[in-house]
Protein backbone atom coordinates (compact mmCIF):
# COMPACT_ATOMS: atom_id res chain seq x y z
CA LYS A 1 0.00 0.00 0.00
CA ASP A 2 2.98 2.27 0.49
CA LEU A 3 4.12 1.63 -3.17
CA PRO A 4 1.07 2.20 -5.38
CA ASP A 5 3.22 2.44 -8.52
CA ALA A 6 4.32 -1.20 -8.02
CA ILE A 7 0.90 -2.44 -9.16
CA LEU A 8 1.11 -0.28 -12.30
CA ASN A 9 4.65 -1.56 -13.00
CA VAL A 10 3.52 -5.20 -12.72
CA SER A 11 0.64 -4.48 -15.08
CA GLU A 12 3.03 -2.82 -17.55
CA ILE A 13 5.39 -5.82 -17.45
CA LEU A 14 2.51 -8.25 -18.02
CA ASP A 15 1.41 -6.23 -21.06
CA LYS A 16 4.89 -6.65 -22.57
CA ILE A 17 4.94 -10.45 -22.31
CA GLU A 18 4.47 -12.26 -25.59
CA PRO A 19 3.11 -15.76 -25.05
CA TYR A 20 4.54 -18.60 -27.11
CA GLU A 21 4.53 -22.36 -26.98
CA LEU A 22 7.63 -24.49 -26.80
CA ALA A 23 7.91 -27.23 -29.40
CA ARG A 24 7.00 -30.48 -27.69
CA ASP A 25 7.93 -32.77 -30.56
CA VAL A 26 10.79 -35.14 -29.99
CA LEU A 27 13.54 -34.29 -32.45
CA LEU A 28 15.54 -37.38 -33.30
CA PRO A 29 18.47 -37.53 -35.69
CA VAL A 30 17.68 -39.03 -39.08
CA PHE A 31 18.58 -42.69 -39.31
CA ASP A 32 19.88 -43.55 -42.76
CA ILE A 33 17.99 -46.66 -43.83
CA PRO A 34 19.05 -48.85 -46.78
CA GLU A 35 17.82 -47.62 -50.15
CA GLU A 36 15.45 -50.57 -50.73
CA TYR A 37 13.41 -49.55 -47.65
CA LYS A 38 13.09 -45.87 -48.50
CA ASP A 39 9.55 -44.75 -49.37
CA PRO A 40 9.26 -41.67 -51.64
CA GLU A 41 6.09 -40.63 -49.80
CA ASP A 42 8.13 -40.08 -46.62
CA ALA A 43 10.01 -37.20 -48.27
CA LYS A 44 6.71 -35.58 -49.26
CA ASP A 45 4.83 -35.84 -45.97
CA GLY A 46 7.55 -36.41 -43.35
CA GLY A 47 6.32 -39.94 -42.67
CA ASN A 48 8.42 -42.83 -41.49
CA ARG A 49 7.12 -45.72 -43.60
CA GLY A 50 10.66 -46.61 -44.63
CA GLU A 51 11.94 -46.67 -41.05
CA ASN A 52 8.99 -48.83 -40.01
CA ALA A 53 9.60 -51.28 -42.87
CA TYR A 54 13.31 -51.51 -42.08
CA LEU A 55 12.68 -51.90 -38.35
CA ARG A 56 10.20 -54.72 -39.09
CA HIS A 57 12.76 -56.42 -41.31
CA ILE A 58 15.65 -56.35 -38.85
CA THR A 59 13.36 -57.24 -35.94
CA TYR A 60 12.11 -60.37 -37.69
CA GLU A 61 15.65 -61.28 -38.75
CA GLY A 62 16.73 -60.93 -35.13
CA ALA A 63 13.69 -62.92 -33.96
CA LYS A 64 14.72 -65.84 -36.17
CA LYS A 65 18.15 -65.82 -34.52
CA ARG A 66 16.79 -65.38 -30.99
CA TYR A 67 13.91 -67.85 -31.17
CA GLY A 68 14.56 -70.07 -34.19
CA THR A 69 11.02 -71.04 -35.11
CA LEU A 70 8.60 -68.17 -34.68
CA SER A 71 5.44 -69.33 -32.94
CA ASP A 72 2.12 -67.54 -33.39
CA GLU A 73 2.56 -66.11 -29.88
CA ILE A 74 5.93 -64.56 -30.80
CA LYS A 75 4.64 -63.19 -34.14
CA GLU A 76 1.58 -61.72 -32.45
CA ARG A 77 3.72 -60.02 -29.81
CA LEU A 78 6.18 -58.70 -32.40
CA ASP A 79 3.39 -57.35 -34.59
CA PHE A 80 1.70 -55.67 -31.62
CA GLU A 81 4.93 -54.00 -30.54
CA LEU A 82 5.87 -52.95 -34.07
CA GLN A 83 2.38 -51.49 -34.62
CA THR A 84 2.68 -49.57 -31.34
CA ILE A 85 6.12 -48.27 -32.30
CA GLU A 86 4.71 -47.23 -35.67
CA LYS A 87 1.66 -45.57 -34.10
CA THR A 88 3.74 -43.62 -31.59
CA GLY A 89 6.31 -42.62 -34.22
CA TYR A 90 9.46 -44.09 -32.70
CA PRO A 91 10.96 -46.49 -35.27
CA GLY A 92 13.98 -44.21 -35.72
CA TYR A 93 14.65 -44.27 -31.98
CA PHE A 94 14.88 -48.07 -31.98
CA LEU A 95 17.08 -48.04 -35.09
CA ILE A 96 19.46 -45.49 -33.58
CA VAL A 97 19.73 -47.33 -30.25
CA GLU A 98 20.27 -50.65 -32.04
CA ASP A 99 22.98 -49.00 -34.15
CA PHE A 100 25.07 -47.61 -31.31
CA ILE A 101 24.68 -50.69 -29.12
CA ARG A 102 25.83 -52.90 -32.01
CA GLU A 103 28.75 -50.54 -32.61
CA ALA A 104 29.62 -50.56 -28.88
CA ARG A 105 29.90 -54.34 -29.01
CA ASN A 106 32.01 -54.10 -32.20
CA MET A 107 34.35 -51.80 -30.23
CA ASP A 108 34.53 -54.39 -27.41
CA VAL A 109 32.64 -52.13 -25.03
CA SER A 110 30.74 -54.10 -22.41
CA VAL A 111 27.00 -53.51 -22.70
CA GLY A 112 24.59 -54.37 -19.89
CA PRO A 113 21.83 -56.92 -20.49
CA GLY A 114 19.07 -54.33 -20.18
CA ARG A 115 17.10 -53.03 -17.27
CA GLY A 116 14.01 -51.04 -16.55
CA SER A 117 10.85 -51.18 -18.57
CA ALA A 118 12.70 -51.64 -21.91
CA ALA A 119 13.35 -55.24 -20.83
CA GLY A 120 9.64 -55.80 -21.54
CA SER A 121 10.09 -55.24 -25.28
CA VAL A 122 10.46 -58.25 -27.57
CA VAL A 123 11.51 -55.87 -30.35
CA ALA A 124 14.38 -54.61 -28.16
CA TYR A 125 15.30 -58.21 -27.39
CA CYS A 126 15.29 -59.20 -31.08
CA LEU A 127 17.47 -56.18 -31.91
CA TRP A 128 19.97 -57.11 -29.17
CA ILE A 129 19.24 -53.85 -27.38
CA THR A 130 18.41 -56.03 -24.37
CA ASN A 131 19.36 -59.62 -23.57
CA ILE A 132 16.35 -60.52 -21.46
CA ASP A 133 13.58 -62.52 -23.13
CA PRO A 134 10.32 -60.79 -22.16
CA ILE A 135 8.21 -63.73 -23.31
CA LYS A 136 10.13 -66.20 -21.16
CA TYR A 137 9.75 -63.96 -18.10
CA ASP A 138 6.23 -62.72 -18.96
CA LEU A 139 7.27 -59.05 -18.97
CA LEU A 140 4.86 -56.33 -20.08
CA PHE A 141 5.60 -54.20 -23.13
CA GLU A 142 2.99 -51.65 -22.03
CA ARG A 143 5.17 -50.56 -19.09
CA PHE A 144 7.75 -49.51 -21.66
CA LEU A 145 5.64 -48.07 -24.48
CA ASN A 146 1.93 -47.78 -23.99
CA PRO A 147 -0.17 -47.41 -27.15
CA ASP A 148 -2.43 -44.92 -25.35
CA ARG A 149 0.41 -42.79 -23.98
CA VAL A 150 2.77 -41.54 -26.64
CA SER A 151 5.59 -40.20 -24.48
CA MET A 152 9.03 -41.20 -25.66
CA PRO A 153 10.18 -44.56 -24.32
CA ASP A 154 13.23 -44.65 -22.10
CA ILE A 155 15.86 -47.30 -22.83
CA ASP A 156 18.34 -47.57 -19.97
CA ILE A 157 21.71 -48.71 -21.28
CA ASP A 158 24.81 -49.51 -19.25
CA PHE A 159 28.28 -49.34 -20.80
CA ASP A 160 31.57 -50.05 -19.07
CA ASP A 161 33.32 -46.97 -17.71
CA GLU A 162 36.21 -47.01 -20.20
CA GLY A 163 34.03 -47.68 -23.23
CA ARG A 164 31.23 -45.19 -22.53
CA GLY A 165 33.22 -42.27 -23.96
CA ARG A 166 34.00 -44.16 -27.17
CA VAL A 167 30.30 -44.93 -27.65
CA MET A 168 29.43 -41.29 -27.08
CA ASP A 169 32.08 -40.25 -29.60
CA TYR A 170 30.58 -42.68 -32.13
CA VAL A 171 27.08 -41.23 -31.62
CA ILE A 172 28.36 -37.64 -31.85
CA ASN A 173 30.38 -38.38 -35.00
CA LYS A 174 27.53 -40.23 -36.70
CA TYR A 175 24.50 -38.20 -35.67
CA GLY A 176 26.00 -34.80 -34.79
CA SER A 177 26.86 -33.12 -31.51
CA ASN A 178 23.63 -31.11 -31.54
CA GLN A 179 21.61 -34.33 -31.63
């Protein structure tokens, strides 16, 4: 009450504020898929049909190595997870994580077997992102990536202390330091 101009100053400051919204989209680096999986429509509309097709291909190839014969139960689970990944728009995320984990192993960096909710993904298991079979242990994919909640999944990855820096250098060199 002893500073009546303070109210006017607050009002003046509020009038100068320009509201804006922060971009909430997840910005992932572009994963370079093989030419035979590229879809020309993706360039026109920003879709990720090519990434989805390539992810499906390498997931099923990995599933054959992990499981041998693919039962109807395994195919159904893979298709459900791949459809959810497609619906939520994260095929590139899985491709990028698979890429740098594979490269870490090529560099003889120790990679943990997987932990957290990502261990519930058969796709992650078939891509060797995790080494825990979610079907064997009856783990839920929906804890990791829920089709009704489209927040970005979180894949916890452990690298040995000496190798972690080399993996980070690989990611920075391949995808860019601003990514």
